[in-house]
Amino acid sequence: MAAAQFYESHSPGLGLDFIAEVRRATRAVATYPRIGRRFSKNLHRALVRRFPYGLLYELRADELLIVAVAHLRRRPGYWRHR
């Protein structure tokens, strides 16, 4: 993940912290899918602690689809085409 590499290059261990926080957010939405705020008609967003990122995900009948780990300070919707 490019963000983890970026953080690691600035401070050793910070990239691993970023990955750990994304995993924590992923476990949280897997356990409590409605904790994220509605982001659009089909998407919810849960924040990643310590970092300016959000986990964008879609609730489906029997699954949870993570669409993006999106930087919250970039131009809106940049992640849609990736």
PDB file of N, CA and C in Angstrom:
ATOM      1  N   MET A   1       0.858  -1.175   0.000  1.00  0.00           N
ATOM      2  CA  MET A   1       0.000   0.000   0.000  1.00  0.00           C
ATOM      3  C   MET A   1       0.903   1.236   0.000  1.00  0.00           C
ATOM      4  N   ALA A   2       0.679   2.122  -0.927  1.00  0.00           N
ATOM      5  CA  ALA A   2       1.523   3.305  -1.099  1.00  0.00           C
ATOM      6  C   ALA A   2       1.525   4.195   0.138  1.00  0.00           C
ATOM      7  N   ALA A   3       0.382   4.335   0.793  1.00  0.00           N
ATOM      8  CA  ALA A   3       0.313   5.195   1.978  1.00  0.00           C
ATOM      9  C   ALA A   3       1.209   4.657   3.083  1.00  0.00           C
ATOM     10  N   ALA A   4       1.207   3.362   3.286  1.00  0.00           N
ATOM     11  CA  ALA A   4       2.057   2.759   4.318  1.00  0.00           C
ATOM     12  C   ALA A   4       3.526   2.994   3.995  1.00  0.00           C
ATOM     13  N   GLN A   5       3.903   2.860   2.730  1.00  0.00           N
ATOM     14  CA  GLN A   5       5.285   3.110   2.322  1.00  0.00           C
ATOM     15  C   GLN A   5       5.663   4.572   2.546  1.00  0.00           C
ATOM     16  N   PHE A   6       4.735   5.471   2.251  1.00  0.00           N
ATOM     17  CA  PHE A   6       4.971   6.894   2.472  1.00  0.00           C
ATOM     18  C   PHE A   6       5.236   7.164   3.946  1.00  0.00           C
ATOM     19  N   TYR A   7       4.352   6.667   4.822  1.00  0.00           N
ATOM     20  CA  TYR A   7       4.524   6.902   6.256  1.00  0.00           C
ATOM     21  C   TYR A   7       5.799   6.253   6.773  1.00  0.00           C
ATOM     22  N   GLU A   8       6.111   5.078   6.297  1.00  0.00           N
ATOM     23  CA  GLU A   8       7.327   4.375   6.737  1.00  0.00           C
ATOM     24  C   GLU A   8       8.582   5.144   6.334  1.00  0.00           C
ATOM     25  N   SER A   9       8.555   5.766   5.159  1.00  0.00           N
ATOM     26  CA  SER A   9       9.725   6.525   4.703  1.00  0.00           C
ATOM     27  C   SER A   9       9.957   7.780   5.540  1.00  0.00           C
ATOM     28  N   HIS A  10       8.915   8.286   6.170  1.00  0.00           N
ATOM     29  CA  HIS A  10       9.042   9.489   6.996  1.00  0.00           C
ATOM     30  C   HIS A  10       9.386   9.184   8.443  1.00  0.00           C
ATOM     31  N   SER A  11       8.970   8.011   8.903  1.00  0.00           N
ATOM     32  CA  SER A  11       9.259   7.636  10.282  1.00  0.00           C
ATOM     33  C   SER A  11       9.173   6.116  10.404  1.00  0.00           C
ATOM     34  N   PRO A  12      10.296   5.471  10.674  1.00  0.00           N
ATOM     35  CA  PRO A  12      10.280   4.008  10.788  1.00  0.00           C
ATOM     36  C   PRO A  12       9.233   3.528  11.798  1.00  0.00           C
ATOM     37  N   GLY A  13       8.420   2.586  11.360  1.00  0.00           N
ATOM     38  CA  GLY A  13       7.362   2.042  12.207  1.00  0.00           C
ATOM     39  C   GLY A  13       6.005   2.680  11.961  1.00  0.00           C
ATOM     40  N   LEU A  14       5.989   3.871  11.402  1.00  0.00           N
ATOM     41  CA  LEU A  14       4.716   4.559  11.184  1.00  0.00           C
ATOM     42  C   LEU A  14       3.887   3.878  10.092  1.00  0.00           C
ATOM     43  N   GLY A  15       4.543   3.310   9.104  1.00  0.00           N
ATOM     44  CA  GLY A  15       3.817   2.571   8.066  1.00  0.00           C
ATOM     45  C   GLY A  15       3.114   1.360   8.647  1.00  0.00           C
ATOM     46  N   LEU A  16       3.784   0.660   9.551  1.00  0.00           N
ATOM     47  CA  LEU A  16       3.154  -0.487  10.221  1.00  0.00           C
ATOM     48  C   LEU A  16       1.995  -0.036  11.103  1.00  0.00           C
ATOM     49  N   ASP A  17       2.148   1.120  11.741  1.00  0.00           N
ATOM     50  CA  ASP A  17       1.042   1.670  12.542  1.00  0.00           C
ATOM     51  C   ASP A  17      -0.164   1.972  11.658  1.00  0.00           C
ATOM     52  N   PHE A  18       0.099   2.517  10.473  1.00  0.00           N
ATOM     53  CA  PHE A  18      -0.989   2.815   9.543  1.00  0.00           C
ATOM     54  C   PHE A  18      -1.732   1.535   9.151  1.00  0.00           C
ATOM     55  N   ILE A  19      -0.979   0.495   8.803  1.00  0.00           N
ATOM     56  CA  ILE A  19      -1.600  -0.780   8.431  1.00  0.00           C
ATOM     57  C   ILE A  19      -2.409  -1.335   9.589  1.00  0.00           C
ATOM     58  N   ALA A  20      -1.883  -1.246  10.800  1.00  0.00           N
ATOM     59  CA  ALA A  20      -2.602  -1.739  11.978  1.00  0.00           C
ATOM     60  C   ALA A  20      -3.914  -0.984  12.193  1.00  0.00           C
ATOM     61  N   GLU A  21      -3.898   0.326  11.974  1.00  0.00           N
ATOM     62  CA  GLU A  21      -5.118   1.119  12.156  1.00  0.00           C
ATOM     63  C   GLU A  21      -6.153   0.822  11.070  1.00  0.00           C
ATOM     64  N   VAL A  22      -5.699   0.594   9.847  1.00  0.00           N
ATOM     65  CA  VAL A  22      -6.638   0.220   8.778  1.00  0.00           C
ATOM     66  C   VAL A  22      -7.258  -1.139   9.101  1.00  0.00           C
ATOM     67  N   ARG A  23      -6.452  -2.062   9.583  1.00  0.00           N
ATOM     68  CA  ARG A  23      -6.982  -3.380   9.970  1.00  0.00           C
ATOM     69  C   ARG A  23      -7.966  -3.260  11.126  1.00  0.00           C
ATOM     70  N   ARG A  24      -7.659  -2.397  12.095  1.00  0.00           N
ATOM     71  CA  ARG A  24      -8.572  -2.191  13.219  1.00  0.00           C
ATOM     72  C   ARG A  24      -9.917  -1.653  12.727  1.00  0.00           C
ATOM     73  N   ALA A  25      -9.869  -0.686  11.817  1.00  0.00           N
ATOM     74  CA  ALA A  25     -11.105  -0.123  11.267  1.00  0.00           C
ATOM     75  C   ALA A  25     -11.875  -1.185  10.483  1.00  0.00           C
ATOM     76  N   THR A  26     -11.151  -2.041   9.767  1.00  0.00           N
ATOM     77  CA  THR A  26     -11.787  -3.109   9.002  1.00  0.00           C
ATOM     78  C   THR A  26     -12.492  -4.091   9.932  1.00  0.00           C
ATOM     79  N   ARG A  27     -11.826  -4.473  11.019  1.00  0.00           N
ATOM     80  CA  ARG A  27     -12.457  -5.379  11.989  1.00  0.00           C
ATOM     81  C   ARG A  27     -13.684  -4.736  12.622  1.00  0.00           C
ATOM     82  N   ALA A  28     -13.595  -3.439  12.902  1.00  0.00           N
ATOM     83  CA  ALA A  28     -14.712  -2.735  13.524  1.00  0.00           C
ATOM     84  C   ALA A  28     -15.941  -2.730  12.609  1.00  0.00           C
ATOM     85  N   VAL A  29     -15.761  -2.425  11.332  1.00  0.00           N
ATOM     86  CA  VAL A  29     -16.923  -2.406  10.437  1.00  0.00           C
ATOM     87  C   VAL A  29     -17.420  -3.817  10.133  1.00  0.00           C
ATOM     88  N   ALA A  30     -16.532  -4.805  10.189  1.00  0.00           N
ATOM     89  CA  ALA A  30     -16.974  -6.185   9.993  1.00  0.00           C
ATOM     90  C   ALA A  30     -17.842  -6.633  11.161  1.00  0.00           C
ATOM     91  N   THR A  31     -17.505  -6.174  12.354  1.00  0.00           N
ATOM     92  CA  THR A  31     -18.264  -6.534  13.548  1.00  0.00           C
ATOM     93  C   THR A  31     -19.527  -5.695  13.678  1.00  0.00           C
ATOM     94  N   TYR A  32     -19.410  -4.396  13.417  1.00  0.00           N
ATOM     95  CA  TYR A  32     -20.528  -3.455  13.539  1.00  0.00           C
ATOM     96  C   TYR A  32     -20.668  -2.674  12.242  1.00  0.00           C
ATOM     97  N   PRO A  33     -21.278  -3.265  11.226  1.00  0.00           N
ATOM     98  CA  PRO A  33     -21.310  -2.642   9.894  1.00  0.00           C
ATOM     99  C   PRO A  33     -21.960  -1.262   9.834  1.00  0.00           C
ATOM    100  N   ARG A  34     -22.794  -0.940  10.768  1.00  0.00           N
ATOM    101  CA  ARG A  34     -23.487   0.356  10.699  1.00  0.00           C
ATOM    102  C   ARG A  34     -22.801   1.457  11.508  1.00  0.00           C
ATOM    103  N   ILE A  35     -21.570   1.226  11.959  1.00  0.00           N
ATOM    104  CA  ILE A  35     -20.881   2.280  12.714  1.00  0.00           C
ATOM    105  C   ILE A  35     -20.438   3.430  11.829  1.00  0.00           C
ATOM    106  N   GLY A  36     -20.213   3.151  10.569  1.00  0.00           N
ATOM    107  CA  GLY A  36     -19.784   4.210   9.656  1.00  0.00           C
ATOM    108  C   GLY A  36     -20.950   5.101   9.259  1.00  0.00           C
ATOM    109  N   ARG A  37     -20.632   6.341   9.017  1.00  0.00           N
ATOM    110  CA  ARG A  37     -21.655   7.286   8.560  1.00  0.00           C
ATOM    111  C   ARG A  37     -21.947   7.051   7.089  1.00  0.00           C
ATOM    112  N   ARG A  38     -23.181   7.322   6.713  1.00  0.00           N
ATOM    113  CA  ARG A  38     -23.545   7.203   5.301  1.00  0.00           C
ATOM    114  C   ARG A  38     -22.751   8.248   4.520  1.00  0.00           C
ATOM    115  N   PHE A  39     -22.119   7.783   3.450  1.00  0.00           N
ATOM    116  CA  PHE A  39     -21.263   8.633   2.636  1.00  0.00           C
ATOM    117  C   PHE A  39     -21.945   8.998   1.326  1.00  0.00           C
ATOM    118  N   SER A  40     -22.714   8.069   0.795  1.00  0.00           N
ATOM    119  CA  SER A  40     -23.499   8.278  -0.417  1.00  0.00           C
ATOM    120  C   SER A  40     -24.667   7.293  -0.356  1.00  0.00           C
ATOM    121  N   LYS A  41     -25.379   7.175  -1.449  1.00  0.00           N
ATOM    122  CA  LYS A  41     -26.545   6.286  -1.446  1.00  0.00           C
ATOM    123  C   LYS A  41     -26.182   4.862  -1.022  1.00  0.00           C
ATOM    124  N   ASN A  42     -25.070   4.332  -1.524  1.00  0.00           N
ATOM    125  CA  ASN A  42     -24.699   2.949  -1.246  1.00  0.00           C
ATOM    126  C   ASN A  42     -23.481   2.774  -0.340  1.00  0.00           C
ATOM    127  N   LEU A  43     -22.775   3.856  -0.048  1.00  0.00           N
ATOM    128  CA  LEU A  43     -21.523   3.727   0.693  1.00  0.00           C
ATOM    129  C   LEU A  43     -21.612   4.309   2.096  1.00  0.00           C
ATOM    130  N   HIS A  44     -20.819   3.704   2.994  1.00  0.00           N
ATOM    131  CA  HIS A  44     -20.612   4.216   4.338  1.00  0.00           C
ATOM    132  C   HIS A  44     -19.126   4.527   4.479  1.00  0.00           C
ATOM    133  N   ARG A  45     -18.800   5.379   5.474  1.00  0.00           N
ATOM    134  CA  ARG A  45     -17.398   5.710   5.715  1.00  0.00           C
ATOM    135  C   ARG A  45     -17.098   5.592   7.201  1.00  0.00           C
ATOM    136  N   ALA A  46     -16.058   4.837   7.520  1.00  0.00           N
ATOM    137  CA  ALA A  46     -15.558   4.736   8.886  1.00  0.00           C
ATOM    138  C   ALA A  46     -14.169   5.360   8.896  1.00  0.00           C
ATOM    139  N   LEU A  47     -13.885   6.151   9.902  1.00  0.00           N
ATOM    140  CA  LEU A  47     -12.599   6.821   9.976  1.00  0.00           C
ATOM    141  C   LEU A  47     -11.513   5.878  10.479  1.00  0.00           C
ATOM    142  N   VAL A  48     -10.299   6.123  10.013  1.00  0.00           N
ATOM    143  CA  VAL A  48      -9.121   5.394  10.470  1.00  0.00           C
ATOM    144  C   VAL A  48      -8.453   6.275  11.521  1.00  0.00           C
ATOM    145  N   ARG A  49      -8.268   5.751  12.728  1.00  0.00           N
ATOM    146  CA  ARG A  49      -7.670   6.548  13.804  1.00  0.00           C
ATOM    147  C   ARG A  49      -6.236   6.947  13.462  1.00  0.00           C
ATOM    148  N   ARG A  50      -5.854   8.141  13.932  1.00  0.00           N
ATOM    149  CA  ARG A  50      -4.494   8.678  13.827  1.00  0.00           C
ATOM    150  C   ARG A  50      -4.082   9.139  12.437  1.00  0.00           C
ATOM    151  N   PHE A  51      -4.826   8.793  11.421  1.00  0.00           N
ATOM    152  CA  PHE A  51      -4.433   9.106  10.050  1.00  0.00           C
ATOM    153  C   PHE A  51      -5.615   9.728   9.308  1.00  0.00           C
ATOM    154  N   PRO A  52      -5.363  10.598   8.318  1.00  0.00           N
ATOM    155  CA  PRO A  52      -6.456  11.260   7.589  1.00  0.00           C
ATOM    156  C   PRO A  52      -7.053  10.376   6.489  1.00  0.00           C
ATOM    157  N   TYR A  53      -7.492   9.193   6.870  1.00  0.00           N
ATOM    158  CA  TYR A  53      -8.048   8.232   5.926  1.00  0.00           C
ATOM    159  C   TYR A  53      -9.399   7.744   6.414  1.00  0.00           C
ATOM    160  N   GLY A  54     -10.208   7.337   5.459  1.00  0.00           N
ATOM    161  CA  GLY A  54     -11.488   6.731   5.762  1.00  0.00           C
ATOM    162  C   GLY A  54     -11.639   5.431   5.004  1.00  0.00           C
ATOM    163  N   LEU A  55     -12.321   4.501   5.605  1.00  0.00           N
ATOM    164  CA  LEU A  55     -12.626   3.224   4.977  1.00  0.00           C
ATOM    165  C   LEU A  55     -13.997   3.365   4.343  1.00  0.00           C
ATOM    166  N   LEU A  56     -14.077   3.294   3.018  1.00  0.00           N
ATOM    167  CA  LEU A  56     -15.350   3.402   2.312  1.00  0.00           C
ATOM    168  C   LEU A  56     -15.834   1.992   1.996  1.00  0.00           C
ATOM    169  N   TYR A  57     -17.051   1.696   2.393  1.00  0.00           N
ATOM    170  CA  TYR A  57     -17.547   0.341   2.215  1.00  0.00           C
ATOM    171  C   TYR A  57     -19.037   0.329   1.899  1.00  0.00           C
ATOM    172  N   GLU A  58     -19.440  -0.773   1.292  1.00  0.00           N
ATOM    173  CA  GLU A  58     -20.826  -0.975   0.883  1.00  0.00           C
ATOM    174  C   GLU A  58     -21.391  -2.165   1.657  1.00  0.00           C
ATOM    175  N   LEU A  59     -22.581  -1.981   2.194  1.00  0.00           N
ATOM    176  CA  LEU A  59     -23.277  -3.077   2.865  1.00  0.00           C
ATOM    177  C   LEU A  59     -24.127  -3.796   1.838  1.00  0.00           C
ATOM    178  N   ARG A  60     -23.919  -5.085   1.727  1.00  0.00           N
ATOM    179  CA  ARG A  60     -24.715  -5.903   0.823  1.00  0.00           C
ATOM    180  C   ARG A  60     -25.507  -6.896   1.657  1.00  0.00           C
ATOM    181  N   ALA A  61     -26.374  -7.642   1.028  1.00  0.00           N
ATOM    182  CA  ALA A  61     -27.256  -8.563   1.752  1.00  0.00           C
ATOM    183  C   ALA A  61     -26.488  -9.465   2.707  1.00  0.00           C
ATOM    184  N   ASP A  62     -25.416 -10.085   2.245  1.00  0.00           N
ATOM    185  CA  ASP A  62     -24.700 -11.020   3.099  1.00  0.00           C
ATOM    186  C   ASP A  62     -23.200 -10.785   3.111  1.00  0.00           C
ATOM    187  N   GLU A  63     -22.784  -9.582   2.741  1.00  0.00           N
ATOM    188  CA  GLU A  63     -21.360  -9.284   2.755  1.00  0.00           C
ATOM    189  C   GLU A  63     -21.101  -7.797   2.903  1.00  0.00           C
ATOM    190  N   LEU A  64     -19.857  -7.494   3.208  1.00  0.00           N
ATOM    191  CA  LEU A  64     -19.402  -6.127   3.339  1.00  0.00           C
ATOM    192  C   LEU A  64     -18.285  -5.949   2.302  1.00  0.00           C
ATOM    193  N   LEU A  65     -18.429  -4.979   1.408  1.00  0.00           N
ATOM    194  CA  LEU A  65     -17.439  -4.754   0.357  1.00  0.00           C
ATOM    195  C   LEU A  65     -16.686  -3.463   0.651  1.00  0.00           C
ATOM    196  N   ILE A  66     -15.388  -3.584   0.900  1.00  0.00           N
ATOM    197  CA  ILE A  66     -14.558  -2.394   1.105  1.00  0.00           C
ATOM    198  C   ILE A  66     -14.164  -1.876  -0.270  1.00  0.00           C
ATOM    199  N   VAL A  67     -14.573  -0.656  -0.543  1.00  0.00           N
ATOM    200  CA  VAL A  67     -14.373  -0.051  -1.863  1.00  0.00           C
ATOM    201  C   VAL A  67     -13.043   0.689  -1.927  1.00  0.00           C
ATOM    202  N   ALA A  68     -12.681   1.380  -0.834  1.00  0.00           N
ATOM    203  CA  ALA A  68     -11.447   2.165  -0.851  1.00  0.00           C
ATOM    204  C   ALA A  68     -10.989   2.489   0.559  1.00  0.00           C
ATOM    205  N   VAL A  69      -9.692   2.682   0.686  1.00  0.00           N
ATOM    206  CA  VAL A  69      -9.104   3.322   1.858  1.00  0.00           C
ATOM    207  C   VAL A  69      -8.682   4.681   1.318  1.00  0.00           C
ATOM    208  N   ALA A  70      -9.522   5.679   1.555  1.00  0.00           N
ATOM    209  CA  ALA A  70      -9.381   6.964   0.869  1.00  0.00           C
ATOM    210  C   ALA A  70      -8.805   8.049   1.774  1.00  0.00           C
ATOM    211  N   HIS A  71      -7.872   8.812   1.229  1.00  0.00           N
ATOM    212  CA  HIS A  71      -7.325   9.970   1.923  1.00  0.00           C
ATOM    213  C   HIS A  71      -8.432  11.012   2.007  1.00  0.00           C
ATOM    214  N   LEU A  72      -8.641  11.579   3.187  1.00  0.00           N
ATOM    215  CA  LEU A  72      -9.765  12.488   3.389  1.00  0.00           C
ATOM    216  C   LEU A  72      -9.463  13.937   3.019  1.00  0.00           C
ATOM    217  N   ARG A  73      -8.212  14.237   2.718  1.00  0.00           N
ATOM    218  CA  ARG A  73      -7.868  15.619   2.394  1.00  0.00           C
ATOM    219  C   ARG A  73      -7.526  15.814   0.925  1.00  0.00           C
ATOM    220  N   ARG A  74      -7.691  14.790   0.144  1.00  0.00           N
ATOM    221  CA  ARG A  74      -7.490  14.915  -1.310  1.00  0.00           C
ATOM    222  C   ARG A  74      -8.789  15.347  -1.950  1.00  0.00           C
ATOM    223  N   ARG A  75      -8.711  15.631  -3.213  1.00  0.00           N
ATOM    224  CA  ARG A  75      -9.918  16.054  -3.921  1.00  0.00           C
ATOM    225  C   ARG A  75     -10.985  14.956  -3.840  1.00  0.00           C
ATOM    226  N   PRO A  76     -12.218  15.327  -3.641  1.00  0.00           N
ATOM    227  CA  PRO A  76     -13.301  14.339  -3.480  1.00  0.00           C
ATOM    228  C   PRO A  76     -13.417  13.408  -4.682  1.00  0.00           C
ATOM    229  N   GLY A  77     -13.589  12.134  -4.392  1.00  0.00           N
ATOM    230  CA  GLY A  77     -13.838  11.159  -5.436  1.00  0.00           C
ATOM    231  C   GLY A  77     -12.611  10.693  -6.213  1.00  0.00           C
ATOM    232  N   TYR A  78     -11.401  11.119  -5.812  1.00  0.00           N
ATOM    233  CA  TYR A  78     -10.208  10.720  -6.560  1.00  0.00           C
ATOM    234  C   TYR A  78     -10.063   9.209  -6.641  1.00  0.00           C
ATOM    235  N   TRP A  79     -10.535   8.516  -5.646  1.00  0.00           N
ATOM    236  CA  TRP A  79     -10.384   7.054  -5.538  1.00  0.00           C
ATOM    237  C   TRP A  79     -11.315   6.287  -6.467  1.00  0.00           C
ATOM    238  N   ARG A  80     -12.340   6.911  -6.991  1.00  0.00           N
ATOM    239  CA  ARG A  80     -13.334   6.201  -7.801  1.00  0.00           C
ATOM    240  C   ARG A  80     -12.758   5.581  -9.077  1.00  0.00           C
ATOM    241  N   HIS A  81     -11.729   6.166  -9.611  1.00  0.00           N
ATOM    242  CA  HIS A  81     -11.167   5.689 -10.871  1.00  0.00           C
ATOM    243  C   HIS A  81      -9.968   4.777 -10.701  1.00  0.00           C
ATOM    244  N   ARG A  82      -9.635   4.459  -9.476  1.00  0.00           N
ATOM    245  CA  ARG A  82      -8.476   3.582  -9.200  1.00  0.00           C
ATOM    246  C   ARG A  82      -8.886   2.151  -9.117  1.00  0.00           C
TER     247      ARG A  82
END
